[in-house]
Amino acid sequence: MLRRFTLALVIALIGTNSFGDTLIPETRFLLPKAGPDFGGLSGLLIHADGSAGTVLSDRGYLFPVTFKRAANGALIGISIGDGQSLNTFLGDEDRMDSEALAITRSGDLLVGFERPSRMETLTDGGFETAARQPFPNAGLRRGNKGLEALAAHPNGSMVVGLQETPAKGEDSIAIYALGSDEPAPIGHLPYDKPFQVTGADFGPDGRLYILERAFSFLGFRTRVRSLDLATPEIPPVTHFQSALGDYDNLEGISVWADTSGTTRVTLVSDDNFLSILRSEIVELVLQ
C-alpha cells in the first residue's frame, strides 16, 4: 500500500511540477529603424557563434543582423542591414503574413506563413524558392490562426510547425512534423489560455522551446516552455514567465549555445508597425 501511494505521489508531482531550469534576462536592445519596411518582426535566427543573425518581418522582408558581444558572450551592440523582400522569389501577395523562420542543417531557409497557411523552402542561401508545403488548417479558429511557429532540429531529423491556438474542440496544440511527407502530428502542447504560441526553436539539448504570449489592454506577458518530443508523456516545463508589461509583443525565438557552452535564448518583438510598440531584442541565459 505504501509503495502504491509513493508511486502515485511521484506521478502526481511529475504531472504538476512544470518548472525547469530558469531563463534569466540578461540584455535588451531597441532595434534601430532600418528603412520604411522595417518592423513587424516575427521570426529570428541566430547563426553559429552568435555574432550574426536574420530577422523576418511579417510583411515579407528578411533583414541581416550583426551582434556585438562581450568576452563572456553578453550582447553589447546590434546593427541591422538592408532588407531583402521575399517578393523576389514568391510574388507580391504570397510574401505577406510571414510569421516563422527556421534553417535546416543543409542551410535552406524555411519560412512559415499564416495565410495561406504553409511552409516555403528557400535554397541557395534563401534566394531561390524550392518547395511549398501546405500546413493543415482544418478546425482553425480564425483565418489568421494558421502556421505561427517553425523549428528545425539541429541534427536534421525533423522540422515541426505549430499554430497559435488549438483547433476547435481541442484542448492542446498539435505539433506537426513537416518536410517530405504529409504533415502529421507527432506531439501536443497543452493549451493554457490566454497564452498563445508565437515562436519555437530546438535547443542544443534537443528539446523544443516554445515562445508564448498573452495579451490584455494593459500589456503583454511572455512565457517560454520546453518539451521533449521523444517523451510526449512528460508535460512541458516552464523556464520563464514575465510580469504584465515587462516586455512588448515578443514573437520570434532562437535557442543556441555560445562558445562557452552556455545556452542563450534570444527573442525579438513585433511592433505591428505601431508607434506605441517597440522592435527590440531580448536575450536570456539558461541557468
Protein backbone atom coordinates (compact mmCIF):
# COMPACT_ATOMS: atom_id res chain seq x y z
CA MET A 1 0.00 0.00 0.00
CA LEU A 2 2.82 2.40 0.92
CA ARG A 3 4.62 1.57 -2.32
CA ARG A 4 1.49 2.27 -4.39
CA PHE A 5 0.97 5.55 -2.53
CA THR A 6 4.59 6.60 -3.11
CA LEU A 7 4.37 5.78 -6.82
CA ALA A 8 1.11 7.71 -7.15
CA LEU A 9 2.68 10.69 -5.39
CA VAL A 10 5.69 10.66 -7.75
CA ILE A 11 3.41 10.53 -10.81
CA ALA A 12 1.32 13.39 -9.43
CA LEU A 13 4.39 15.52 -8.83
CA ILE A 14 5.69 14.88 -12.35
CA GLY A 15 2.33 15.89 -13.75
CA THR A 16 2.08 19.16 -11.81
CA ASN A 17 5.64 20.36 -11.35
CA SER A 18 6.14 22.20 -14.63
CA PHE A 19 9.15 24.39 -13.82
CA GLY A 20 12.63 23.56 -15.09
CA ASP A 21 15.95 25.40 -15.42
CA THR A 22 15.36 29.13 -15.20
CA LEU A 23 15.90 31.61 -18.01
CA ILE A 24 17.47 34.77 -16.60
CA PRO A 25 17.04 38.02 -18.60
CA GLU A 26 20.47 39.41 -19.42
CA THR A 27 20.19 42.17 -22.03
CA ARG A 28 17.65 44.00 -24.16
CA PHE A 29 18.20 46.39 -27.07
CA LEU A 30 15.88 48.62 -29.04
CA LEU A 31 16.45 47.95 -32.73
CA PRO A 32 17.34 50.89 -34.97
CA LYS A 33 14.88 51.62 -37.77
CA ALA A 34 16.29 50.07 -40.94
CA GLY A 35 14.09 51.75 -43.52
CA PRO A 36 10.32 52.10 -44.06
CA ASP A 37 9.78 48.34 -44.40
CA PHE A 38 11.45 47.52 -41.10
CA GLY A 39 9.05 46.40 -38.38
CA GLY A 40 6.53 43.70 -37.63
CA LEU A 41 9.37 41.31 -36.72
CA SER A 42 8.03 37.83 -36.19
CA GLY A 43 10.91 35.43 -36.90
CA LEU A 44 14.53 35.22 -35.74
CA LEU A 45 17.63 33.15 -36.47
CA ILE A 46 20.94 33.37 -34.61
CA HIS A 47 23.82 31.95 -36.64
CA ALA A 48 26.87 30.00 -35.47
CA ASP A 49 28.67 31.77 -32.62
CA GLY A 50 26.00 34.43 -32.07
CA SER A 51 27.74 37.19 -34.00
CA ALA A 52 25.16 37.31 -36.80
CA GLY A 53 21.54 36.53 -37.44
CA THR A 54 18.43 37.21 -39.50
CA VAL A 55 15.07 38.70 -38.59
CA LEU A 56 11.85 38.22 -40.55
CA SER A 57 9.14 40.83 -40.98
CA ASP A 58 5.52 39.75 -41.24
CA ARG A 59 5.38 41.84 -44.41
CA GLY A 60 7.82 39.52 -46.13
CA TYR A 61 11.28 41.04 -45.58
CA LEU A 62 14.48 39.43 -44.32
CA PHE A 63 16.99 41.67 -42.53
CA PRO A 64 20.56 40.64 -41.67
CA VAL A 65 21.65 41.43 -38.11
CA THR A 66 25.15 41.80 -36.66
CA PHE A 67 25.59 41.26 -32.92
CA LYS A 68 28.49 42.66 -30.94
CA ARG A 69 29.29 40.60 -27.85
CA ALA A 70 31.49 40.85 -24.79
CA ALA A 71 34.07 38.20 -23.94
CA ASN A 72 31.50 36.35 -21.81
CA GLY A 73 29.02 36.24 -24.70
CA ALA A 74 26.75 39.00 -23.41
CA LEU A 75 25.14 41.15 -26.08
CA ILE A 76 26.51 44.71 -26.14
CA GLY A 77 25.53 46.06 -29.58
CA ILE A 78 23.35 45.47 -32.64
CA SER A 79 23.34 46.70 -36.23
CA ILE A 80 20.75 45.99 -38.93
CA GLY A 81 21.50 45.58 -42.64
CA ASP A 82 19.35 46.30 -45.68
CA GLY A 83 16.22 44.20 -46.07
CA GLN A 84 15.58 41.69 -48.84
CA SER A 85 11.96 41.34 -49.96
CA LEU A 86 10.60 37.82 -50.35
CA ASN A 87 8.54 39.00 -53.31
CA THR A 88 11.70 38.49 -55.36
CA PHE A 89 11.01 34.76 -55.06
CA LEU A 90 7.36 34.41 -54.08
CA GLY A 91 5.40 37.25 -55.67
CA ASP A 92 3.82 40.31 -54.06
CA GLU A 93 0.82 38.62 -52.49
CA ASP A 94 2.48 35.35 -51.48
CA ARG A 95 5.15 37.04 -49.38
CA MET A 96 2.71 38.62 -46.92
CA ASP A 97 1.85 37.33 -43.44
CA SER A 98 5.23 35.64 -42.99
CA GLU A 99 5.38 34.59 -39.33
CA ALA A 100 8.09 31.98 -38.76
CA LEU A 101 11.71 31.40 -39.71
CA ALA A 102 13.98 28.37 -39.38
CA ILE A 103 17.09 26.98 -41.02
CA THR A 104 17.87 23.38 -41.93
CA ARG A 105 21.13 21.59 -41.33
CA SER A 106 21.90 21.96 -45.05
CA GLY A 107 21.37 25.73 -44.89
CA ASP A 108 17.95 26.03 -46.53
CA LEU A 109 15.71 28.74 -45.09
CA LEU A 110 12.21 27.76 -44.03
CA VAL A 111 9.57 30.49 -43.90
CA GLY A 112 6.16 29.92 -42.36
CA PHE A 113 3.07 31.85 -43.48
CA GLU A 114 -0.31 32.18 -41.80
CA ARG A 115 -2.39 32.96 -44.89
CA PRO A 116 -2.48 30.80 -46.83
CA SER A 117 -1.07 28.56 -44.10
CA ARG A 118 2.10 26.93 -45.47
CA MET A 119 5.88 26.48 -45.29
CA GLU A 120 8.15 27.71 -48.07
CA THR A 121 11.66 26.30 -48.51
CA LEU A 122 14.24 28.74 -49.89
CA THR A 123 17.53 27.35 -51.17
CA ASP A 124 20.82 28.99 -52.21
CA GLY A 125 21.04 30.99 -49.01
CA GLY A 126 17.39 31.97 -49.28
CA PHE A 127 17.45 33.30 -52.83
CA GLU A 128 15.52 30.60 -54.67
CA THR A 129 12.20 29.02 -53.81
CA ALA A 130 12.40 25.22 -53.87
CA ALA A 131 9.27 23.79 -52.29
CA ARG A 132 5.92 24.68 -50.77
CA GLN A 133 4.10 22.57 -48.20
CA PRO A 134 0.57 23.46 -47.09
CA PHE A 135 0.02 23.45 -43.33
CA PRO A 136 -3.13 21.75 -42.01
CA ASN A 137 -5.81 24.36 -41.43
CA ALA A 138 -8.83 22.22 -40.59
CA GLY A 139 -10.50 23.46 -37.43
CA LEU A 140 -8.71 26.79 -37.27
CA ARG A 141 -10.47 29.28 -35.05
CA ARG A 142 -9.85 32.23 -37.39
CA GLY A 143 -8.21 32.78 -40.74
CA ASN A 144 -5.12 34.33 -39.16
CA LYS A 145 -4.51 31.49 -36.69
CA GLY A 146 -2.56 29.29 -39.11
CA LEU A 147 1.11 28.33 -39.06
CA GLU A 148 2.80 30.52 -36.45
CA ALA A 149 6.00 28.70 -35.43
CA LEU A 150 8.65 26.62 -37.22
CA ALA A 151 11.62 24.76 -35.76
CA ALA A 152 14.27 22.63 -37.47
CA HIS A 153 16.16 20.10 -35.33
CA PRO A 154 19.93 20.78 -35.47
CA ASN A 155 20.67 17.12 -36.30
CA GLY A 156 18.44 17.33 -39.37
CA SER A 157 15.98 14.73 -38.09
CA MET A 158 12.81 16.83 -38.22
CA VAL A 159 11.05 20.11 -38.91
CA VAL A 160 7.99 20.92 -36.86
CA GLY A 161 5.25 23.53 -37.07
CA LEU A 162 2.62 24.83 -34.65
CA GLN A 163 -0.34 27.16 -34.90
CA GLU A 164 -1.19 29.80 -32.29
CA THR A 165 -4.11 28.08 -30.61
CA PRO A 166 -5.76 24.64 -30.65
CA ALA A 167 -8.14 23.62 -33.37
CA LYS A 168 -11.80 23.98 -32.47
CA GLY A 169 -12.87 21.48 -29.85
CA GLU A 170 -9.29 20.61 -28.83
CA ASP A 171 -7.52 21.43 -25.55
CA SER A 172 -3.96 21.16 -26.87
CA ILE A 173 -1.99 22.48 -29.82
CA ALA A 174 -0.84 19.86 -32.30
CA ILE A 175 2.87 19.78 -33.14
CA TYR A 176 3.16 18.75 -36.80
CA ALA A 177 6.12 17.12 -38.49
CA LEU A 178 6.77 18.88 -41.80
CA GLY A 179 9.04 18.02 -44.68
CA SER A 180 8.89 15.39 -47.40
CA ASP A 181 5.76 13.60 -46.18
CA GLU A 182 2.27 14.85 -45.49
CA PRO A 183 2.14 16.90 -42.26
CA ALA A 184 1.32 14.65 -39.32
CA PRO A 185 1.00 15.40 -35.58
CA ILE A 186 3.87 13.96 -33.53
CA GLY A 187 3.10 15.67 -30.23
CA HIS A 188 0.86 18.15 -28.45
CA LEU A 189 1.38 21.27 -26.36
CA PRO A 190 -1.17 21.72 -23.57
CA TYR A 191 -3.09 24.94 -24.15
CA ASP A 192 -3.05 27.39 -21.26
CA LYS A 193 -5.33 30.28 -22.16
CA PRO A 194 -4.69 33.21 -22.58
CA PHE A 195 -1.16 32.29 -23.75
CA GLN A 196 -0.76 31.70 -27.49
CA VAL A 197 2.17 30.28 -29.43
CA THR A 198 4.29 32.86 -31.25
CA GLY A 199 7.55 31.02 -31.99
CA ALA A 200 9.57 27.85 -31.48
CA ASP A 201 13.11 26.52 -31.81
CA PHE A 202 15.04 23.40 -30.93
CA GLY A 203 17.77 23.96 -28.36
CA PRO A 204 21.25 22.43 -28.27
CA ASP A 205 19.80 19.86 -25.83
CA GLY A 206 17.30 18.67 -28.45
CA ARG A 207 14.28 19.98 -26.58
CA LEU A 208 11.64 22.05 -28.37
CA TYR A 209 11.44 25.53 -26.82
CA ILE A 210 8.15 27.35 -27.39
CA LEU A 211 7.61 31.09 -27.06
CA GLU A 212 4.14 32.16 -25.96
CA ARG A 213 2.40 35.50 -25.48
CA ALA A 214 -0.64 36.65 -23.54
CA PHE A 215 -2.25 40.00 -24.35
CA SER A 216 -4.59 42.30 -22.50
CA PHE A 217 -5.28 46.02 -22.88
CA LEU A 218 -2.77 46.55 -20.06
CA GLY A 219 0.07 44.96 -22.00
CA PHE A 220 1.78 41.67 -22.80
CA ARG A 221 3.08 38.73 -20.84
CA THR A 222 5.75 36.38 -22.23
CA ARG A 223 6.43 32.75 -21.45
CA VAL A 224 8.98 30.16 -22.62
CA ARG A 225 8.24 26.46 -22.17
CA SER A 226 10.05 23.40 -23.50
CA LEU A 227 9.27 19.75 -24.08
CA ASP A 228 11.00 16.61 -25.30
CA LEU A 229 9.20 15.14 -28.30
CA ALA A 230 10.83 11.78 -27.54
CA THR A 231 8.91 11.57 -24.25
CA PRO A 232 5.46 13.00 -25.01
CA GLU A 233 4.00 11.65 -21.77
CA ILE A 234 6.10 14.12 -19.74
CA PRO A 235 4.47 17.58 -19.61
CA PRO A 236 6.33 20.70 -20.76
CA VAL A 237 8.41 22.67 -18.29
CA THR A 238 8.28 26.44 -17.85
CA HIS A 239 11.62 28.26 -17.96
CA PHE A 240 10.44 31.85 -17.97
CA GLN A 241 7.27 33.87 -17.47
CA SER A 242 7.29 37.67 -17.38
CA ALA A 243 5.10 40.01 -15.43
CA LEU A 244 2.46 42.01 -17.27
CA GLY A 245 4.04 44.85 -19.22
CA ASP A 246 7.69 43.83 -18.72
CA TYR A 247 8.17 43.32 -22.45
CA ASP A 248 6.43 44.14 -25.68
CA ASN A 249 4.99 41.73 -28.23
CA LEU A 250 7.78 39.09 -28.33
CA GLU A 251 7.19 36.78 -31.31
CA GLY A 252 10.47 35.27 -32.55
CA ILE A 253 12.84 32.92 -30.69
CA SER A 254 16.26 31.44 -31.31
CA VAL A 255 17.87 28.98 -28.86
CA TRP A 256 21.60 28.42 -29.21
CA ALA A 257 24.85 27.83 -27.30
CA ASP A 258 27.69 30.35 -27.13
CA THR A 259 31.38 29.41 -27.27
CA SER A 260 31.42 28.64 -23.54
CA GLY A 261 28.53 26.19 -23.89
CA THR A 262 26.01 28.48 -22.22
CA THR A 263 22.50 28.16 -23.66
CA ARG A 264 21.10 31.51 -24.73
CA VAL A 265 17.55 32.29 -25.75
CA THR A 266 17.20 35.35 -27.97
CA LEU A 267 13.78 36.90 -28.60
CA VAL A 268 12.54 39.59 -30.97
CA SER A 269 9.41 41.72 -30.69
CA ASP A 270 6.78 42.62 -33.27
CA ASP A 271 5.80 46.30 -33.15
CA ASN A 272 2.92 45.76 -35.61
CA PHE A 273 4.21 48.94 -37.28
CA LEU A 274 2.69 50.93 -34.41
CA SER A 275 4.49 53.79 -32.65
CA ILE A 276 3.24 52.65 -29.24
CA LEU A 277 5.10 49.34 -29.58
CA ARG A 278 8.82 48.63 -29.95
CA SER A 279 11.10 46.49 -32.06
CA GLU A 280 13.62 45.05 -29.64
CA ILE A 281 15.90 42.11 -28.96
CA VAL A 282 15.75 40.43 -25.55
CA GLU A 283 18.34 37.84 -24.56
CA LEU A 284 18.07 35.39 -21.67
CA VAL A 285 20.52 32.83 -20.26
CA LEU A 286 19.53 29.33 -19.15
CA GLN A 287 20.77 28.56 -15.64
